[in-house]
């Protein structure tokens, strides 16, 4: 998987610990190597992770190698962004978007 700089990768094995059990709100990008819009989001996620460090945790999950989590949250399109707070998904967005729009959409859940 092409990982965004400064963005951790989560898997089926550690999703519970890294996302569900996280202290901070977590933005999860469900992504895939074969998805051009996902690759476009790399720099956006890196910038977001750096700017919002301490306020939100940004992670990526490869849908091809982590089918359990992908299916559990009924993710069908890439990229899908989900915000988890207190172990629950509180916001879901599908498709690439500019950083400004992503921040606006996250403002009420962070």
N, C-alpha and C. Protein backbone atom coordinates (compact mmCIF):
# COMPACT_ATOMS: atom_id res chain seq x y z
N UNK A 1 0.84 -1.19 0.00
CA UNK A 1 0.00 0.00 0.00
C UNK A 1 0.88 1.25 0.00
N UNK A 2 0.48 2.25 -0.74
CA UNK A 2 1.20 3.52 -0.77
C UNK A 2 0.71 4.33 0.43
N UNK A 3 1.61 4.46 1.41
CA UNK A 3 1.21 5.15 2.63
C UNK A 3 1.52 6.63 2.55
N UNK A 4 0.61 7.45 3.08
CA UNK A 4 0.87 8.88 3.19
C UNK A 4 1.88 9.12 4.30
N UNK A 5 2.79 10.05 4.10
CA UNK A 5 3.81 10.35 5.11
C UNK A 5 3.16 10.80 6.41
N UNK A 6 3.61 10.24 7.52
CA UNK A 6 3.09 10.64 8.82
C UNK A 6 1.74 10.04 9.16
N UNK A 7 1.26 9.13 8.32
CA UNK A 7 -0.05 8.51 8.54
C UNK A 7 0.17 7.01 8.78
N UNK A 8 -0.31 6.52 9.91
CA UNK A 8 -0.11 5.11 10.25
C UNK A 8 -1.04 4.22 9.44
N UNK A 9 -0.59 2.99 9.22
CA UNK A 9 -1.44 2.00 8.57
C UNK A 9 -2.05 1.11 9.65
N UNK A 10 -3.35 0.88 9.57
CA UNK A 10 -4.00 -0.05 10.49
C UNK A 10 -4.47 -1.28 9.71
N UNK A 11 -4.67 -2.37 10.43
CA UNK A 11 -5.06 -3.64 9.82
C UNK A 11 -6.26 -4.22 10.56
N UNK A 12 -6.83 -5.29 10.02
CA UNK A 12 -7.88 -6.01 10.73
C UNK A 12 -7.42 -6.37 12.14
N UNK A 13 -6.15 -6.77 12.25
CA UNK A 13 -5.61 -7.25 13.52
C UNK A 13 -5.53 -6.17 14.59
N UNK A 14 -5.19 -4.93 14.21
CA UNK A 14 -5.01 -3.89 15.24
C UNK A 14 -6.06 -2.77 15.17
N UNK A 15 -7.09 -2.92 14.35
CA UNK A 15 -8.11 -1.88 14.21
C UNK A 15 -8.78 -1.58 15.56
N UNK A 16 -9.09 -2.65 16.29
CA UNK A 16 -9.75 -2.52 17.60
C UNK A 16 -8.90 -1.64 18.53
N UNK A 17 -7.60 -1.91 18.59
CA UNK A 17 -6.70 -1.17 19.47
C UNK A 17 -6.47 0.24 18.98
N UNK A 18 -6.11 0.37 17.68
CA UNK A 18 -5.67 1.65 17.14
C UNK A 18 -6.81 2.64 16.88
N UNK A 19 -7.99 2.13 16.54
CA UNK A 19 -9.10 3.02 16.17
C UNK A 19 -10.20 3.01 17.23
N UNK A 20 -10.76 1.84 17.51
CA UNK A 20 -11.87 1.74 18.45
C UNK A 20 -11.44 2.18 19.85
N UNK A 21 -10.22 1.80 20.25
CA UNK A 21 -9.74 2.13 21.59
C UNK A 21 -8.97 3.44 21.70
N UNK A 22 -8.93 4.22 20.63
CA UNK A 22 -8.12 5.46 20.64
C UNK A 22 -8.74 6.53 21.53
N UNK A 23 -7.86 7.30 22.15
CA UNK A 23 -8.30 8.42 23.00
C UNK A 23 -8.85 9.56 22.14
N UNK A 24 -8.15 9.84 21.06
CA UNK A 24 -8.52 10.95 20.16
C UNK A 24 -9.54 10.48 19.13
N UNK A 25 -10.27 11.42 18.50
CA UNK A 25 -11.04 11.03 17.32
C UNK A 25 -10.07 10.50 16.26
N UNK A 26 -10.51 9.54 15.45
CA UNK A 26 -9.65 8.92 14.44
C UNK A 26 -10.30 9.07 13.07
N UNK A 27 -9.53 9.61 12.12
CA UNK A 27 -9.96 9.66 10.72
C UNK A 27 -9.32 8.47 10.02
N UNK A 28 -10.16 7.55 9.53
CA UNK A 28 -9.67 6.37 8.82
C UNK A 28 -9.94 6.55 7.33
N UNK A 29 -8.88 6.41 6.52
CA UNK A 29 -9.08 6.35 5.07
C UNK A 29 -9.04 4.89 4.66
N UNK A 30 -10.17 4.40 4.11
CA UNK A 30 -10.20 3.08 3.51
C UNK A 30 -9.69 3.27 2.09
N UNK A 31 -8.56 2.61 1.77
CA UNK A 31 -7.84 2.92 0.54
C UNK A 31 -7.39 1.65 -0.17
N UNK A 32 -6.88 1.82 -1.39
CA UNK A 32 -6.35 0.69 -2.16
C UNK A 32 -5.29 1.21 -3.13
N UNK A 33 -4.29 0.36 -3.39
CA UNK A 33 -3.22 0.74 -4.32
C UNK A 33 -3.72 1.06 -5.72
N UNK A 34 -4.79 0.38 -6.14
CA UNK A 34 -5.29 0.51 -7.51
C UNK A 34 -6.23 1.71 -7.69
N UNK A 35 -6.36 2.53 -6.65
CA UNK A 35 -7.34 3.62 -6.65
C UNK A 35 -6.65 4.98 -6.84
N UNK A 36 -6.70 5.57 -8.07
CA UNK A 36 -6.05 6.87 -8.29
C UNK A 36 -6.51 7.98 -7.34
N UNK A 37 -7.82 8.13 -7.05
CA UNK A 37 -8.21 9.19 -6.11
C UNK A 37 -7.62 8.99 -4.72
N UNK A 38 -7.40 7.72 -4.35
CA UNK A 38 -6.77 7.45 -3.04
C UNK A 38 -5.35 8.00 -3.02
N UNK A 39 -4.63 7.80 -4.13
CA UNK A 39 -3.26 8.30 -4.20
C UNK A 39 -3.24 9.83 -4.13
N UNK A 40 -4.23 10.48 -4.74
CA UNK A 40 -4.33 11.95 -4.68
C UNK A 40 -4.49 12.44 -3.24
N UNK A 41 -5.11 11.62 -2.41
CA UNK A 41 -5.39 12.05 -1.04
C UNK A 41 -4.18 11.93 -0.13
N UNK A 42 -3.11 11.25 -0.57
CA UNK A 42 -1.92 11.07 0.26
C UNK A 42 -1.38 12.37 0.85
N UNK A 43 -1.06 13.36 -0.01
CA UNK A 43 -0.52 14.63 0.51
C UNK A 43 -1.52 15.36 1.42
N UNK A 44 -2.81 15.24 1.12
CA UNK A 44 -3.85 15.89 1.93
C UNK A 44 -3.86 15.28 3.33
N UNK A 45 -3.81 13.94 3.38
CA UNK A 45 -3.82 13.27 4.68
C UNK A 45 -2.55 13.55 5.47
N UNK A 46 -1.41 13.60 4.78
CA UNK A 46 -0.14 13.92 5.46
C UNK A 46 -0.20 15.30 6.09
N UNK A 47 -0.70 16.28 5.33
CA UNK A 47 -0.81 17.65 5.83
C UNK A 47 -1.78 17.72 7.00
N UNK A 48 -2.90 17.04 6.86
CA UNK A 48 -3.92 17.03 7.91
C UNK A 48 -3.36 16.40 9.20
N UNK A 49 -2.64 15.28 9.05
CA UNK A 49 -2.06 14.60 10.21
C UNK A 49 -1.08 15.51 10.93
N UNK A 50 -0.28 16.26 10.16
CA UNK A 50 0.71 17.16 10.77
C UNK A 50 0.03 18.35 11.45
N UNK A 51 -0.93 18.96 10.76
CA UNK A 51 -1.60 20.17 11.29
C UNK A 51 -2.48 19.87 12.49
N UNK A 52 -3.13 18.72 12.48
CA UNK A 52 -4.10 18.40 13.53
C UNK A 52 -3.52 17.44 14.57
N UNK A 53 -2.18 17.28 14.58
CA UNK A 53 -1.53 16.38 15.52
C UNK A 53 -1.95 16.73 16.95
N UNK A 54 -2.38 15.74 17.70
CA UNK A 54 -2.83 15.99 19.07
C UNK A 54 -4.33 16.22 19.15
N UNK A 55 -4.97 16.51 18.01
CA UNK A 55 -6.43 16.71 18.00
C UNK A 55 -7.15 15.54 17.33
N UNK A 56 -6.49 14.96 16.32
CA UNK A 56 -7.09 13.84 15.60
C UNK A 56 -5.98 12.90 15.15
N UNK A 57 -6.28 11.62 15.15
CA UNK A 57 -5.34 10.61 14.67
C UNK A 57 -5.78 10.25 13.25
N UNK A 58 -4.83 10.25 12.32
CA UNK A 58 -5.15 9.93 10.92
C UNK A 58 -4.49 8.61 10.56
N UNK A 59 -5.29 7.65 10.07
CA UNK A 59 -4.76 6.33 9.71
C UNK A 59 -5.33 5.89 8.37
N UNK A 60 -4.66 4.91 7.76
CA UNK A 60 -5.12 4.33 6.49
C UNK A 60 -5.30 2.82 6.68
N UNK A 61 -6.31 2.29 5.99
CA UNK A 61 -6.56 0.85 6.00
C UNK A 61 -6.67 0.37 4.56
N UNK A 62 -5.85 -0.60 4.19
CA UNK A 62 -5.86 -1.16 2.83
C UNK A 62 -7.02 -2.16 2.74
N UNK A 63 -7.99 -1.85 1.87
CA UNK A 63 -9.20 -2.69 1.79
C UNK A 63 -8.89 -4.08 1.24
N UNK A 64 -7.87 -4.19 0.40
CA UNK A 64 -7.56 -5.48 -0.22
C UNK A 64 -6.98 -6.49 0.77
N UNK A 65 -6.24 -6.00 1.75
CA UNK A 65 -5.59 -6.90 2.70
C UNK A 65 -6.33 -6.96 4.04
N UNK A 66 -7.39 -6.18 4.19
CA UNK A 66 -8.15 -6.13 5.45
C UNK A 66 -9.66 -6.22 5.19
N UNK A 67 -10.11 -7.37 4.67
CA UNK A 67 -11.52 -7.49 4.29
C UNK A 67 -12.49 -7.48 5.47
N UNK A 68 -12.04 -7.94 6.64
CA UNK A 68 -12.96 -8.01 7.78
C UNK A 68 -13.46 -6.64 8.19
N UNK A 69 -12.53 -5.72 8.38
CA UNK A 69 -12.90 -4.36 8.78
C UNK A 69 -13.66 -3.67 7.66
N UNK A 70 -13.20 -3.84 6.42
CA UNK A 70 -13.86 -3.23 5.26
C UNK A 70 -15.32 -3.67 5.19
N UNK A 71 -15.56 -4.97 5.34
CA UNK A 71 -16.93 -5.49 5.28
C UNK A 71 -17.76 -5.10 6.50
N UNK A 72 -17.12 -5.07 7.66
CA UNK A 72 -17.83 -4.72 8.89
C UNK A 72 -18.46 -3.33 8.80
N UNK A 73 -17.76 -2.41 8.12
CA UNK A 73 -18.27 -1.04 8.00
C UNK A 73 -18.90 -0.78 6.63
N UNK A 74 -19.13 -1.87 5.87
CA UNK A 74 -19.84 -1.80 4.58
C UNK A 74 -19.23 -0.78 3.63
N UNK A 75 -17.89 -0.78 3.56
CA UNK A 75 -17.18 0.13 2.67
C UNK A 75 -17.18 -0.47 1.26
N UNK A 76 -17.74 0.27 0.30
CA UNK A 76 -17.86 -0.21 -1.08
C UNK A 76 -17.05 0.62 -2.06
N UNK A 77 -16.81 1.88 -1.76
CA UNK A 77 -16.11 2.78 -2.68
C UNK A 77 -14.83 3.29 -2.03
N UNK A 78 -13.81 3.55 -2.87
CA UNK A 78 -12.56 4.09 -2.38
C UNK A 78 -12.33 5.47 -3.01
N UNK A 79 -11.77 6.41 -2.29
CA UNK A 79 -11.53 6.30 -0.85
C UNK A 79 -12.81 6.57 -0.06
N UNK A 80 -12.97 5.88 1.05
CA UNK A 80 -14.01 6.21 2.03
C UNK A 80 -13.29 6.70 3.27
N UNK A 81 -13.77 7.80 3.81
CA UNK A 81 -13.22 8.36 5.04
C UNK A 81 -14.25 8.16 6.14
N UNK A 82 -13.82 7.64 7.27
CA UNK A 82 -14.71 7.49 8.42
C UNK A 82 -14.05 8.09 9.63
N UNK A 83 -14.84 8.84 10.38
CA UNK A 83 -14.36 9.40 11.64
C UNK A 83 -14.95 8.56 12.77
N UNK A 84 -14.07 8.08 13.63
CA UNK A 84 -14.48 7.32 14.81
C UNK A 84 -14.22 8.17 16.04
N UNK A 85 -15.21 8.24 16.92
CA UNK A 85 -15.04 8.95 18.19
C UNK A 85 -15.64 8.08 19.28
N UNK A 86 -14.86 7.82 20.31
CA UNK A 86 -15.35 6.95 21.38
C UNK A 86 -15.69 5.55 20.87
N UNK A 87 -14.96 5.09 19.85
CA UNK A 87 -15.15 3.74 19.34
C UNK A 87 -16.27 3.59 18.33
N UNK A 88 -17.00 4.67 18.06
CA UNK A 88 -18.14 4.60 17.13
C UNK A 88 -17.88 5.44 15.88
N UNK A 89 -18.33 4.96 14.71
CA UNK A 89 -18.23 5.80 13.51
C UNK A 89 -19.26 6.93 13.59
N UNK A 90 -18.79 8.18 13.51
CA UNK A 90 -19.70 9.32 13.64
C UNK A 90 -19.86 10.09 12.33
N UNK A 91 -19.04 9.80 11.33
CA UNK A 91 -19.13 10.50 10.05
C UNK A 91 -18.51 9.63 8.98
N UNK A 92 -19.13 9.60 7.81
CA UNK A 92 -18.58 8.83 6.69
C UNK A 92 -18.67 9.68 5.43
N UNK A 93 -17.59 9.71 4.66
CA UNK A 93 -17.54 10.50 3.42
C UNK A 93 -16.87 9.65 2.35
N UNK A 94 -17.39 9.74 1.13
CA UNK A 94 -16.83 8.95 0.04
C UNK A 94 -16.26 9.88 -1.02
N UNK A 95 -15.05 9.54 -1.50
CA UNK A 95 -14.45 10.28 -2.61
C UNK A 95 -13.37 11.25 -2.18
N UNK A 96 -12.45 11.51 -3.11
CA UNK A 96 -11.36 12.46 -2.86
C UNK A 96 -11.93 13.86 -2.74
N UNK A 97 -11.28 14.68 -1.93
CA UNK A 97 -11.70 16.07 -1.76
C UNK A 97 -10.49 16.89 -1.36
N UNK A 98 -10.55 18.22 -1.64
CA UNK A 98 -9.43 19.08 -1.21
C UNK A 98 -9.37 19.17 0.31
N UNK A 99 -8.19 19.50 0.83
CA UNK A 99 -7.99 19.55 2.28
C UNK A 99 -8.97 20.51 2.96
N UNK A 100 -9.20 21.68 2.34
CA UNK A 100 -10.09 22.67 2.95
C UNK A 100 -11.48 22.07 3.16
N UNK A 101 -11.99 21.37 2.13
CA UNK A 101 -13.32 20.78 2.23
C UNK A 101 -13.34 19.65 3.27
N UNK A 102 -12.27 18.86 3.30
CA UNK A 102 -12.19 17.77 4.28
C UNK A 102 -12.21 18.34 5.70
N UNK A 103 -11.45 19.40 5.93
CA UNK A 103 -11.42 20.05 7.25
C UNK A 103 -12.79 20.59 7.63
N UNK A 104 -13.49 21.21 6.66
CA UNK A 104 -14.84 21.74 6.93
C UNK A 104 -15.77 20.60 7.33
N UNK A 105 -15.68 19.48 6.61
CA UNK A 105 -16.57 18.36 6.90
C UNK A 105 -16.24 17.69 8.24
N UNK A 106 -15.00 17.85 8.69
CA UNK A 106 -14.59 17.25 9.95
C UNK A 106 -14.80 18.18 11.14
N UNK A 107 -15.00 19.46 10.89
CA UNK A 107 -14.98 20.45 11.97
C UNK A 107 -15.98 20.15 13.09
N UNK A 108 -17.15 19.63 12.74
CA UNK A 108 -18.16 19.40 13.79
C UNK A 108 -18.00 18.07 14.53
N UNK A 109 -17.09 17.21 14.04
CA UNK A 109 -16.90 15.93 14.72
C UNK A 109 -15.56 15.82 15.43
N UNK A 110 -14.69 16.81 15.25
CA UNK A 110 -13.38 16.78 15.91
C UNK A 110 -13.43 17.54 17.23
